[in-house]
C-alpha atoms as a PDB file:
ATOM      1  CA  UNK A   1       2.116 -13.814   1.192  1.00  0.00           C
ATOM      2  CA  UNK A   2       0.968 -16.957   1.657  1.00  0.00           C
ATOM      3  CA  UNK A   3      -2.799 -16.427   2.725  1.00  0.00           C
ATOM      4  CA  UNK A   4      -3.731 -15.266   5.665  1.00  0.00           C
ATOM      5  CA  UNK A   5      -2.261 -17.876   8.431  1.00  0.00           C
ATOM      6  CA  UNK A   6       0.241 -17.274  10.359  1.00  0.00           C
ATOM      7  CA  UNK A   7       4.056 -17.445   8.696  1.00  0.00           C
ATOM      8  CA  UNK A   8       6.760 -16.304   8.579  1.00  0.00           C
ATOM      9  CA  UNK A   9       9.009 -15.392   5.223  1.00  0.00           C
ATOM     10  CA  UNK A  10      12.654 -16.339   4.645  1.00  0.00           C
ATOM     11  CA  UNK A  11      14.684 -15.427   8.260  1.00  0.00           C
ATOM     12  CA  UNK A  12      13.595 -11.771   7.954  1.00  0.00           C
ATOM     13  CA  UNK A  13      11.721 -11.829  11.218  1.00  0.00           C
ATOM     14  CA  UNK A  14       8.418 -10.304   9.151  1.00  0.00           C
ATOM     15  CA  UNK A  15       5.423 -12.421  10.478  1.00  0.00           C
ATOM     16  CA  UNK A  16       2.038 -12.051   8.754  1.00  0.00           C
ATOM     17  CA  UNK A  17      -1.098 -13.233  10.882  1.00  0.00           C
ATOM     18  CA  UNK A  18      -5.015 -13.297  10.582  1.00  0.00           C
ATOM     19  CA  UNK A  19      -6.706  -9.593   9.971  1.00  0.00           C
ATOM     20  CA  UNK A  20      -7.297  -9.534  13.772  1.00  0.00           C
ATOM     21  CA  UNK A  21      -3.621 -10.504  14.838  1.00  0.00           C
ATOM     22  CA  UNK A  22      -0.422  -7.508  14.310  1.00  0.00           C
ATOM     23  CA  UNK A  23       1.953  -8.332  12.220  1.00  0.00           C
ATOM     24  CA  UNK A  24       4.458  -6.084  10.701  1.00  0.00           C
ATOM     25  CA  UNK A  25       5.762  -6.135   6.730  1.00  0.00           C
ATOM     26  CA  UNK A  26       9.066  -4.486   6.607  1.00  0.00           C
ATOM     27  CA  UNK A  27      11.605  -3.853   3.900  1.00  0.00           C
ATOM     28  CA  UNK A  28      13.604  -6.836   4.618  1.00  0.00           C
ATOM     29  CA  UNK A  29      10.768  -9.281   3.324  1.00  0.00           C
ATOM     30  CA  UNK A  30      11.526  -8.047   0.018  1.00  0.00           C
ATOM     31  CA  UNK A  31       9.030  -5.922  -2.635  1.00  0.00           C
ATOM     32  CA  UNK A  32       5.365  -5.120  -2.173  1.00  0.00           C
ATOM     33  CA  UNK A  33       3.591  -4.714  -5.232  1.00  0.00           C
ATOM     34  CA  UNK A  34       0.028  -3.631  -4.472  1.00  0.00           C
ATOM     35  CA  UNK A  35      -2.694  -2.991  -7.033  1.00  0.00           C
ATOM     36  CA  UNK A  36      -5.092  -0.032  -6.037  1.00  0.00           C
ATOM     37  CA  UNK A  37      -8.311  -0.964  -8.668  1.00  0.00           C
ATOM     38  CA  UNK A  38      -9.895   2.484  -7.885  1.00  0.00           C
ATOM     39  CA  UNK A  39     -13.558   2.763  -9.324  1.00  0.00           C
ATOM     40  CA  UNK A  40     -12.630  -0.088 -11.428  1.00  0.00           C
ATOM     41  CA  UNK A  41     -14.289  -3.856 -11.264  1.00  0.00           C
ATOM     42  CA  UNK A  42     -17.500  -6.269 -11.778  1.00  0.00           C
ATOM     43  CA  UNK A  43     -17.886  -9.924 -10.575  1.00  0.00           C
ATOM     44  CA  UNK A  44     -16.915 -11.584 -13.925  1.00  0.00           C
ATOM     45  CA  UNK A  45     -14.644  -9.464 -14.541  1.00  0.00           C
ATOM     46  CA  UNK A  46     -13.012  -9.846 -10.961  1.00  0.00           C
ATOM     47  CA  UNK A  47     -12.765 -13.594 -11.267  1.00  0.00           C
ATOM     48  CA  UNK A  48     -11.066 -13.487 -14.687  1.00  0.00           C
ATOM     49  CA  UNK A  49      -8.304 -11.031 -13.526  1.00  0.00           C
ATOM     50  CA  UNK A  50      -7.923 -12.623 -10.180  1.00  0.00           C
ATOM     51  CA  UNK A  51      -7.923 -16.319 -12.224  1.00  0.00           C
ATOM     52  CA  UNK A  52      -4.892 -14.925 -14.292  1.00  0.00           C
ATOM     53  CA  UNK A  53      -2.931 -13.391 -11.287  1.00  0.00           C
ATOM     54  CA  UNK A  54      -3.424 -16.642  -9.562  1.00  0.00           C
ATOM     55  CA  UNK A  55      -2.263 -18.960 -12.182  1.00  0.00           C
ATOM     56  CA  UNK A  56       0.872 -17.182 -12.548  1.00  0.00           C
ATOM     57  CA  UNK A  57       4.118 -18.722 -10.434  1.00  0.00           C
ATOM     58  CA  UNK A  58       5.260 -15.133 -10.332  1.00  0.00           C
ATOM     59  CA  UNK A  59       3.095 -14.221  -7.326  1.00  0.00           C
ATOM     60  CA  UNK A  60       4.756 -17.872  -5.633  1.00  0.00           C
ATOM     61  CA  UNK A  61       8.315 -16.641  -5.936  1.00  0.00           C
ATOM     62  CA  UNK A  62      10.390 -15.512  -2.656  1.00  0.00           C
ATOM     63  CA  UNK A  63      10.944 -12.233  -2.565  1.00  0.00           C
ATOM     64  CA  UNK A  64       7.867 -10.635  -3.580  1.00  0.00           C
ATOM     65  CA  UNK A  65       4.347  -9.543  -1.936  1.00  0.00           C
ATOM     66  CA  UNK A  66       1.221  -8.717  -4.060  1.00  0.00           C
ATOM     67  CA  UNK A  67      -1.941  -7.640  -3.199  1.00  0.00           C
ATOM     68  CA  UNK A  68      -4.952  -5.953  -4.520  1.00  0.00           C
ATOM     69  CA  UNK A  69      -6.499  -2.850  -2.952  1.00  0.00           C
ATOM     70  CA  UNK A  70     -10.380  -3.303  -4.073  1.00  0.00           C
ATOM     71  CA  UNK A  71     -13.824  -1.524  -3.808  1.00  0.00           C
ATOM     72  CA  UNK A  72     -15.497  -2.294  -1.034  1.00  0.00           C
ATOM     73  CA  UNK A  73     -18.546  -4.120  -3.160  1.00  0.00           C
ATOM     74  CA  UNK A  74     -15.920  -6.977  -3.881  1.00  0.00           C
ATOM     75  CA  UNK A  75     -14.282  -7.622  -0.415  1.00  0.00           C
ATOM     76  CA  UNK A  76     -17.003 -10.605  -0.200  1.00  0.00           C
ATOM     77  CA  UNK A  77     -15.706 -11.900  -3.280  1.00  0.00           C
ATOM     78  CA  UNK A  78     -11.947 -11.676  -2.756  1.00  0.00           C
ATOM     79  CA  UNK A  79     -12.566 -13.403   0.535  1.00  0.00           C
ATOM     80  CA  UNK A  80     -13.802 -16.219  -1.375  1.00  0.00           C
ATOM     81  CA  UNK A  81     -11.515 -16.364  -3.780  1.00  0.00           C
ATOM     82  CA  UNK A  82      -8.356 -15.476  -2.324  1.00  0.00           C
ATOM     83  CA  UNK A  83      -8.385 -17.130   1.632  1.00  0.00           C
ATOM     84  CA  UNK A  84      -5.515 -19.077   1.704  1.00  0.00           C
ATOM     85  CA  UNK A  85      -4.105 -18.400  -1.507  1.00  0.00           C
ATOM     86  CA  UNK A  86      -0.748 -16.496  -2.574  1.00  0.00           C
ATOM     87  CA  UNK A  87      -2.404 -12.944  -3.156  1.00  0.00           C
ATOM     88  CA  UNK A  88      -3.534 -10.703  -0.266  1.00  0.00           C
ATOM     89  CA  UNK A  89      -6.251  -8.182  -0.461  1.00  0.00           C
ATOM     90  CA  UNK A  90      -7.380  -5.275   0.782  1.00  0.00           C
ATOM     91  CA  UNK A  91      -9.631  -1.868   0.912  1.00  0.00           C
ATOM     92  CA  UNK A  92      -8.961   1.417  -0.661  1.00  0.00           C
ATOM     93  CA  UNK A  93     -10.636   3.524   2.141  1.00  0.00           C
ATOM     94  CA  UNK A  94     -11.940   3.497   5.656  1.00  0.00           C
ATOM     95  CA  UNK A  95     -13.627   5.746   7.696  1.00  0.00           C
ATOM     96  CA  UNK A  96     -12.775   7.355  10.534  1.00  0.00           C
ATOM     97  CA  UNK A  97     -15.561   6.327  12.495  1.00  0.00           C
ATOM     98  CA  UNK A  98     -15.917   2.542  14.397  1.00  0.00           C
ATOM     99  CA  UNK A  99     -19.775   2.885  14.322  1.00  0.00           C
ATOM    100  CA  UNK A 100     -22.668   5.074  14.918  1.00  0.00           C
ATOM    101  CA  UNK A 101     -24.719   7.204  12.747  1.00  0.00           C
ATOM    102  CA  UNK A 102     -22.290   8.197   9.851  1.00  0.00           C
ATOM    103  CA  UNK A 103     -24.516   7.018   6.653  1.00  0.00           C
ATOM    104  CA  UNK A 104     -22.310   5.551   3.745  1.00  0.00           C
ATOM    105  CA  UNK A 105     -19.226   4.925   5.902  1.00  0.00           C
ATOM    106  CA  UNK A 106     -17.516   1.567   6.170  1.00  0.00           C
ATOM    107  CA  UNK A 107     -15.395   1.271   9.504  1.00  0.00           C
ATOM    108  CA  UNK A 108     -12.184  -0.890  10.181  1.00  0.00           C
ATOM    109  CA  UNK A 109     -13.696  -3.905  11.935  1.00  0.00           C
ATOM    110  CA  UNK A 110     -16.265  -3.901   9.368  1.00  0.00           C
ATOM    111  CA  UNK A 111     -13.720  -4.739   6.667  1.00  0.00           C
ATOM    112  CA  UNK A 112     -11.163  -6.539   8.897  1.00  0.00           C
ATOM    113  CA  UNK A 113     -13.957  -9.392   9.147  1.00  0.00           C
ATOM    114  CA  UNK A 114     -13.581 -10.437   5.430  1.00  0.00           C
ATOM    115  CA  UNK A 115     -10.044 -10.829   6.153  1.00  0.00           C
ATOM    116  CA  UNK A 116      -8.836  -7.797   4.829  1.00  0.00           C
ATOM    117  CA  UNK A 117      -4.996  -7.653   4.890  1.00  0.00           C
ATOM    118  CA  UNK A 118      -4.235  -4.224   4.002  1.00  0.00           C
ATOM    119  CA  UNK A 119      -6.488  -0.588   3.479  1.00  0.00           C
ATOM    120  CA  UNK A 120      -5.231   2.677   1.804  1.00  0.00           C
ATOM    121  CA  UNK A 121      -5.466   5.702   3.877  1.00  0.00           C
ATOM    122  CA  UNK A 122      -4.806   9.293   2.333  1.00  0.00           C
ATOM    123  CA  UNK A 123      -4.756   8.444  -1.022  1.00  0.00           C
ATOM    124  CA  UNK A 124      -4.337  11.635  -2.814  1.00  0.00           C
ATOM    125  CA  UNK A 125      -7.651  11.184  -4.875  1.00  0.00           C
ATOM    126  CA  UNK A 126      -9.023  11.236  -1.159  1.00  0.00           C
ATOM    127  CA  UNK A 127      -7.012  14.025  -0.291  1.00  0.00           C
ATOM    128  CA  UNK A 128      -8.012  16.039  -3.184  1.00  0.00           C
ATOM    129  CA  UNK A 129     -11.674  14.715  -4.201  1.00  0.00           C
ATOM    130  CA  UNK A 130     -13.052  14.258  -0.457  1.00  0.00           C
ATOM    131  CA  UNK A 131     -10.865  16.947   1.156  1.00  0.00           C
ATOM    132  CA  UNK A 132      -8.928  14.402   3.384  1.00  0.00           C
ATOM    133  CA  UNK A 133      -6.729  16.238   5.845  1.00  0.00           C
ATOM    134  CA  UNK A 134      -3.704  15.207   7.720  1.00  0.00           C
ATOM    135  CA  UNK A 135      -5.886  14.781  10.666  1.00  0.00           C
ATOM    136  CA  UNK A 136      -7.695  12.312   9.360  1.00  0.00           C
ATOM    137  CA  UNK A 137      -5.808  10.455   7.537  1.00  0.00           C
ATOM    138  CA  UNK A 138      -3.675   9.807  10.762  1.00  0.00           C
ATOM    139  CA  UNK A 139      -7.118   9.119  12.667  1.00  0.00           C
ATOM    140  CA  UNK A 140      -7.919   6.373  10.005  1.00  0.00           C
ATOM    141  CA  UNK A 141      -4.326   4.841  10.133  1.00  0.00           C
ATOM    142  CA  UNK A 142      -5.171   4.621  13.690  1.00  0.00           C
ATOM    143  CA  UNK A 143      -8.511   2.293  13.465  1.00  0.00           C
ATOM    144  CA  UNK A 144      -6.443  -0.003  10.530  1.00  0.00           C
ATOM    145  CA  UNK A 145      -4.296  -0.736  13.094  1.00  0.00           C
ATOM    146  CA  UNK A 146      -6.752  -1.744  15.782  1.00  0.00           C
ATOM    147  CA  UNK A 147      -8.640  -3.781  13.748  1.00  0.00           C
ATOM    148  CA  UNK A 148      -5.187  -5.471  13.183  1.00  0.00           C
ATOM    149  CA  UNK A 149      -4.749  -4.509   9.596  1.00  0.00           C
ATOM    150  CA  UNK A 150      -1.661  -2.849   7.718  1.00  0.00           C
ATOM    151  CA  UNK A 151      -2.383   0.831   6.611  1.00  0.00           C
ATOM    152  CA  UNK A 152      -0.554   2.123   3.457  1.00  0.00           C
ATOM    153  CA  UNK A 153      -0.228   5.793   4.387  1.00  0.00           C
ATOM    154  CA  UNK A 154       0.238   7.615   1.168  1.00  0.00           C
ATOM    155  CA  UNK A 155       1.906  11.137   1.339  1.00  0.00           C
ATOM    156  CA  UNK A 156       2.979  12.694  -2.226  1.00  0.00           C
ATOM    157  CA  UNK A 157       3.080  16.597  -3.735  1.00  0.00           C
ATOM    158  CA  UNK A 158       1.387  18.474  -6.384  1.00  0.00           C
ATOM    159  CA  UNK A 159       2.959  19.724  -9.368  1.00  0.00           C
ATOM    160  CA  UNK A 160       2.717  23.106  -8.330  1.00  0.00           C
ATOM    161  CA  UNK A 161       4.317  22.130  -4.967  1.00  0.00           C
ATOM    162  CA  UNK A 162       7.131  20.226  -6.931  1.00  0.00           C
ATOM    163  CA  UNK A 163       7.853  23.317  -9.057  1.00  0.00           C
ATOM    164  CA  UNK A 164       7.692  25.795  -5.863  1.00  0.00           C
ATOM    165  CA  UNK A 165      10.350  23.450  -4.373  1.00  0.00           C
ATOM    166  CA  UNK A 166       8.067  21.668  -1.396  1.00  0.00           C
ATOM    167  CA  UNK A 167       8.117  18.306  -2.247  1.00  0.00           C
ATOM    168  CA  UNK A 168      10.170  17.620   0.993  1.00  0.00           C
ATOM    169  CA  UNK A 169       8.227  20.667   3.257  1.00  0.00           C
ATOM    170  CA  UNK A 170       4.764  18.425   1.816  1.00  0.00           C
ATOM    171  CA  UNK A 171       5.284  14.562   2.414  1.00  0.00           C
ATOM    172  CA  UNK A 172       7.179  15.930   5.412  1.00  0.00           C
ATOM    173  CA  UNK A 173       4.138  17.204   6.911  1.00  0.00           C
ATOM    174  CA  UNK A 174       1.923  14.906   5.488  1.00  0.00           C
ATOM    175  CA  UNK A 175       3.960  11.845   7.762  1.00  0.00           C
ATOM    176  CA  UNK A 176       4.740  13.468  10.581  1.00  0.00           C
ATOM    177  CA  UNK A 177       1.009  13.834  11.002  1.00  0.00           C
ATOM    178  CA  UNK A 178       0.745  10.127  11.239  1.00  0.00           C
ATOM    179  CA  UNK A 179       3.918   9.275  13.210  1.00  0.00           C
ATOM    180  CA  UNK A 180       2.649  12.080  15.618  1.00  0.00           C
ATOM    181  CA  UNK A 181      -0.308   9.590  16.784  1.00  0.00           C
ATOM    182  CA  UNK A 182       1.739   6.190  16.530  1.00  0.00           C
ATOM    183  CA  UNK A 183       4.198   4.634  19.375  1.00  0.00           C
ATOM    184  CA  UNK A 184       6.850   2.876  17.679  1.00  0.00           C
ATOM    185  CA  UNK A 185       5.993  -0.459  18.189  1.00  0.00           C
ATOM    186  CA  UNK A 186       2.370   1.083  16.272  1.00  0.00           C
ATOM    187  CA  UNK A 187       4.785   2.639  13.392  1.00  0.00           C
ATOM    188  CA  UNK A 188       6.310  -0.550  12.604  1.00  0.00           C
ATOM    189  CA  UNK A 189       3.165  -2.073  11.421  1.00  0.00           C
ATOM    190  CA  UNK A 190       2.112   0.487   8.713  1.00  0.00           C
ATOM    191  CA  UNK A 191       3.649   0.615   5.384  1.00  0.00           C
ATOM    192  CA  UNK A 192       4.401   4.384   3.413  1.00  0.00           C
ATOM    193  CA  UNK A 193       3.271   5.245   0.108  1.00  0.00           C
ATOM    194  CA  UNK A 194       4.917   7.980  -2.116  1.00  0.00           C
ATOM    195  CA  UNK A 195       2.887   9.110  -4.772  1.00  0.00           C
ATOM    196  CA  UNK A 196       3.503  12.111  -6.719  1.00  0.00           C
ATOM    197  CA  UNK A 197       0.059  13.648  -7.764  1.00  0.00           C
ATOM    198  CA  UNK A 198       1.606  14.877 -10.960  1.00  0.00           C
ATOM    199  CA  UNK A 199       2.560  11.135 -11.600  1.00  0.00           C
ATOM    200  CA  UNK A 200      -0.642   9.611 -10.898  1.00  0.00           C
ATOM    201  CA  UNK A 201      -2.716   8.325 -14.357  1.00  0.00           C
ATOM    202  CA  UNK A 202      -0.829  10.872 -16.295  1.00  0.00           C
ATOM    203  CA  UNK A 203       1.883   8.765 -17.790  1.00  0.00           C
ATOM    204  CA  UNK A 204       4.300  10.679 -16.659  1.00  0.00           C
ATOM    205  CA  UNK A 205       6.473   9.603 -13.323  1.00  0.00           C
ATOM    206  CA  UNK A 206       9.553  10.701 -11.043  1.00  0.00           C
ATOM    207  CA  UNK A 207      12.987   9.749 -12.708  1.00  0.00           C
ATOM    208  CA  UNK A 208      14.236   6.554 -10.274  1.00  0.00           C
ATOM    209  CA  UNK A 209      16.409   9.260  -9.161  1.00  0.00           C
ATOM    210  CA  UNK A 210      13.713  11.881  -8.082  1.00  0.00           C
ATOM    211  CA  UNK A 211      11.734   8.721  -6.196  1.00  0.00           C
ATOM    212  CA  UNK A 212      14.584   7.626  -4.607  1.00  0.00           C
ATOM    213  CA  UNK A 213      15.707  11.210  -3.226  1.00  0.00           C
ATOM    214  CA  UNK A 214      11.915  11.472  -1.799  1.00  0.00           C
ATOM    215  CA  UNK A 215      12.488   7.731  -0.196  1.00  0.00           C
ATOM    216  CA  UNK A 216      15.450   8.267   1.404  1.00  0.00           C
ATOM    217  CA  UNK A 217      13.860  11.445   3.006  1.00  0.00           C
ATOM    218  CA  UNK A 218      10.922   9.303   3.520  1.00  0.00           C
ATOM    219  CA  UNK A 219      13.103   6.976   5.396  1.00  0.00           C
ATOM    220  CA  UNK A 220      14.763   9.392   7.492  1.00  0.00           C
ATOM    221  CA  UNK A 221      11.839  10.513   8.849  1.00  0.00           C
ATOM    222  CA  UNK A 222      10.724   6.989   9.616  1.00  0.00           C
ATOM    223  CA  UNK A 223      14.393   6.433  11.431  1.00  0.00           C
ATOM    224  CA  UNK A 224      13.335   9.232  13.805  1.00  0.00           C
ATOM    225  CA  UNK A 225      10.354   7.868  14.930  1.00  0.00           C
ATOM    226  CA  UNK A 226      13.033   4.784  15.899  1.00  0.00           C
ATOM    227  CA  UNK A 227      15.430   2.444  14.794  1.00  0.00           C
ATOM    228  CA  UNK A 228      13.212  -0.494  14.052  1.00  0.00           C
ATOM    229  CA  UNK A 229      10.784   2.159  12.176  1.00  0.00           C
ATOM    230  CA  UNK A 230      13.265   2.969   9.391  1.00  0.00           C
ATOM    231  CA  UNK A 231      12.644  -0.972   7.986  1.00  0.00           C
ATOM    232  CA  UNK A 232       9.082   0.409   7.413  1.00  0.00           C
ATOM    233  CA  UNK A 233       8.241  -0.774   3.706  1.00  0.00           C
ATOM    234  CA  UNK A 234       8.111   2.522   1.502  1.00  0.00           C
ATOM    235  CA  UNK A 235       6.663   2.025  -1.922  1.00  0.00           C
ATOM    236  CA  UNK A 236       6.546   3.880  -4.885  1.00  0.00           C
ATOM    237  CA  UNK A 237       2.822   4.955  -6.714  1.00  0.00           C
ATOM    238  CA  UNK A 238       3.179   7.382  -9.329  1.00  0.00           C
ATOM    239  CA  UNK A 239       2.576   5.107 -12.691  1.00  0.00           C
ATOM    240  CA  UNK A 240       4.579   2.283 -12.393  1.00  0.00           C
ATOM    241  CA  UNK A 241       4.177   0.270 -15.320  1.00  0.00           C
ATOM    242  CA  UNK A 242       6.496  -2.897 -16.647  1.00  0.00           C
ATOM    243  CA  UNK A 243       8.762  -0.961 -18.153  1.00  0.00           C
ATOM    244  CA  UNK A 244       9.744   1.388 -15.959  1.00  0.00           C
ATOM    245  CA  UNK A 245       9.427  -1.034 -12.595  1.00  0.00           C
ATOM    246  CA  UNK A 246      12.978  -2.773 -12.318  1.00  0.00           C
ATOM    247  CA  UNK A 247      14.958   0.303 -12.436  1.00  0.00           C
ATOM    248  CA  UNK A 248      12.149   2.186  -9.783  1.00  0.00           C
ATOM    249  CA  UNK A 249      12.540  -1.251  -7.652  1.00  0.00           C
ATOM    250  CA  UNK A 250      16.415  -1.087  -8.274  1.00  0.00           C
ATOM    251  CA  UNK A 251      16.917   2.095  -5.777  1.00  0.00           C
ATOM    252  CA  UNK A 252      18.165   1.664  -2.600  1.00  0.00           C
ATOM    253  CA  UNK A 253      15.044   3.452  -0.817  1.00  0.00           C
ATOM    254  CA  UNK A 254      11.782   1.986  -2.908  1.00  0.00           C
ATOM    255  CA  UNK A 255      10.311  -1.189  -1.816  1.00  0.00           C
ATOM    256  CA  UNK A 256       7.856  -1.656  -4.415  1.00  0.00           C
ATOM    257  CA  UNK A 257       5.136  -0.080  -5.716  1.00  0.00           C
ATOM    258  CA  UNK A 258       1.365   1.061  -5.375  1.00  0.00           C
ATOM    259  CA  UNK A 259      -0.024   0.579  -8.855  1.00  0.00           C
ATOM    260  CA  UNK A 260      -2.969   1.853 -10.359  1.00  0.00           C
ATOM    261  CA  UNK A 261      -3.802   1.101 -13.860  1.00  0.00           C
ATOM    262  CA  UNK A 262      -1.419  -1.331 -14.405  1.00  0.00           C
ATOM    263  CA  UNK A 263      -3.085  -3.368 -11.930  1.00  0.00           C
ATOM    264  CA  UNK A 264      -6.444  -4.089 -14.233  1.00  0.00           C
ATOM    265  CA  UNK A 265      -4.180  -6.028 -16.425  1.00  0.00           C
ATOM    266  CA  UNK A 266      -3.197  -9.249 -15.308  1.00  0.00           C
ATOM    267  CA  UNK A 267       0.012  -9.435 -17.816  1.00  0.00           C
ATOM    268  CA  UNK A 268       1.266  -5.704 -16.587  1.00  0.00           C
ATOM    269  CA  UNK A 269       0.505  -6.379 -12.823  1.00  0.00           C
ATOM    270  CA  UNK A 270       2.282  -9.621 -12.786  1.00  0.00           C
ATOM    271  CA  UNK A 271       5.261  -8.035 -14.714  1.00  0.00           C
ATOM    272  CA  UNK A 272       5.707  -5.492 -12.206  1.00  0.00           C
ATOM    273  CA  UNK A 273       5.392  -8.145  -9.689  1.00  0.00           C
ATOM    274  CA  UNK A 274       8.393 -10.054 -11.620  1.00  0.00           C
ATOM    275  CA  UNK A 275      10.361  -6.662 -11.881  1.00  0.00           C
ATOM    276  CA  UNK A 276      10.536  -6.896  -7.860  1.00  0.00           C
ATOM    277  CA  UNK A 277      11.966 -10.239  -7.215  1.00  0.00           C
ATOM    278  CA  UNK A 278      15.935 -10.948  -6.415  1.00  0.00           C
ATOM    279  CA  UNK A 279      18.191 -10.200  -9.260  1.00  0.00           C
END
């Protein structure tokens, strides 16, 4: 990602524009690595981390696109620090409402005003701790697209669901709820992230083969929406670290990663980005 002005990557047909313009970011653009800072950060700490990331040549290398999704208060800092830079940024959630008497909510148009590129929707922590439903995640996805940004739609099963053999049924329900409210033209503009809930922050991770199996299934659901939709990027988001990123990224249907704890350390995040470079 070369800032937020209009750009074409490689010869892939992938277009990145301003926050207010429609664009797609499919798997043909190379690996996509997005850091989710969660409830972490400070103005001084962010400045140091962003400075370390921008100082690395890894983010300028062709074949990988990197971004960070930060808490709302730090969007202004990212706008000032990252505008025109190789590192993109976004938010971790969004309201399903555009405006009105909704105390504490932050709308998609508000986020877009800061030049944000991405918005995470339906993260398992939002589903678990805040009771977000499949329908609510679908509504948020539409709001993000309407504001000209890219929603990162999260899906994934709990440990109990996996042990019951319900993994594919769960992620099918979650993804199809979103696809059902989108046209094919809208669907090509999303990113999907598979995050097995049992692997988030636990140090556990799905094996590369387990990740590939679910990603291939998600790809089949996308294909059913339209041939162009099958090329939507599908990220893996379960305890990705420098020592397992290369193997995960080598899988045919793993198009990058949604990174949690490792995104808070410049060396780790850069190592994961480097693992995504073409070999």
